[in-house]
Protein backbone atom coordinates (compact mmCIF):
# COMPACT_ATOMS: atom_id res chain seq x y z
CA MET A 1 -2.89 -4.23 14.74
CA ALA A 2 -2.67 -6.47 12.28
CA ASP A 3 -2.30 -3.93 9.45
CA VAL A 4 0.57 -2.07 11.26
CA VAL A 5 2.57 -5.61 11.41
CA ARG A 6 1.92 -6.35 7.88
CA LEU A 7 3.06 -2.55 7.17
CA VAL A 8 6.39 -3.31 9.22
CA GLU A 9 7.03 -6.54 7.77
CA HIS A 10 6.47 -5.33 4.24
CA LEU A 11 8.76 -2.27 4.55
CA ALA A 12 11.47 -4.37 6.23
CA ARG A 13 11.27 -7.12 3.50
CA ALA A 14 12.08 -4.36 0.87
CA LEU A 15 15.41 -3.24 3.02
CA VAL A 16 16.89 -6.51 3.74
CA ASP A 17 18.71 -9.04 1.69
CA ASP A 18 17.12 -11.90 3.40
CA PRO A 19 13.34 -11.31 3.28
CA GLU A 20 12.40 -14.58 4.61
CA ALA A 21 13.99 -13.94 8.04
CA VAL A 22 11.77 -10.90 8.48
CA SER A 23 9.01 -11.38 11.05
CA ALA A 24 7.15 -9.10 13.36
CA SER A 25 4.78 -9.20 16.01
CA ALA A 26 2.66 -6.82 18.19
CA GLU A 27 1.40 -6.54 21.79
CA MET A 28 -0.77 -3.98 23.54
CA HIS A 29 0.69 -2.55 26.86
CA GLY A 30 -2.09 -0.34 28.12
CA HIS A 31 -2.56 2.46 25.43
CA THR A 32 0.88 1.61 23.73
CA LEU A 33 1.23 -0.95 20.85
CA VAL A 34 4.61 -2.36 20.76
CA VAL A 35 5.87 -3.81 17.52
CA ARG A 36 8.69 -6.08 17.56
CA LEU A 37 10.64 -6.49 14.31
CA THR A 38 12.87 -9.39 13.94
CA VAL A 39 15.38 -9.72 10.78
CA ALA A 40 18.58 -11.69 10.37
CA PRO A 41 21.84 -10.44 12.11
CA PRO A 42 23.37 -9.15 9.17
CA ASP A 43 20.36 -7.19 8.05
CA ILE A 44 19.95 -5.19 11.30
CA GLY A 45 22.05 -2.48 10.06
CA LYS A 46 20.04 -1.99 6.87
CA VAL A 47 16.90 -1.77 8.84
CA ILE A 48 18.39 0.77 11.43
CA GLY A 49 20.14 2.85 8.66
CA ARG A 50 22.81 5.38 8.89
CA GLN A 51 22.39 7.26 12.28
CA GLY A 52 18.90 5.75 12.68
CA ARG A 53 17.27 7.46 9.90
CA THR A 54 15.57 4.46 8.26
CA VAL A 55 14.15 3.07 11.53
CA THR A 56 13.05 6.78 12.17
CA ALA A 57 11.35 6.99 9.18
CA ILE A 58 9.40 3.68 9.65
CA ARG A 59 8.38 4.93 13.10
CA THR A 60 7.17 8.07 11.66
CA LEU A 61 5.17 6.17 9.30
CA LEU A 62 3.42 3.75 11.94
CA THR A 63 2.66 7.27 13.84
CA ALA A 64 0.92 8.52 11.10
CA VAL A 65 -0.91 5.16 10.31
CA GLU A 66 -2.10 5.25 13.97
CA GLY A 67 -2.60 8.95 14.24
CA THR A 68 -6.39 8.78 14.23
CA SER A 69 -6.28 6.30 17.24
CA ALA A 70 -5.51 7.00 20.86
CA ARG A 71 -2.66 4.74 20.92
CA ARG A 72 0.89 5.30 20.89
CA VAL A 73 3.25 3.06 18.64
CA VAL A 74 6.55 1.85 19.62
CA LEU A 75 8.85 -0.13 17.02
CA GLU A 76 11.69 -2.42 18.48
CA VAL A 77 14.36 -4.02 16.29
CA VAL A 78 15.18 -7.39 17.94
CA GLU A 79 18.43 -9.06 17.00
């Protein structure tokens, strides 16, 4: 679980203008790992990307990382 959080933080810090404002946390809800990503308000668009392509790519990476386990991964971008 900590590896997923570090991966999300690393990817988000590479995308935003204010990397110090990036934080991520994770919680288990049954068989689902919910990762919450918080960034500075002006950087939300950079994390989401055009038509959601960037956040979709991050979600795809998380699914690939957790592909060997039976749990599902959900990424939420929090304002």
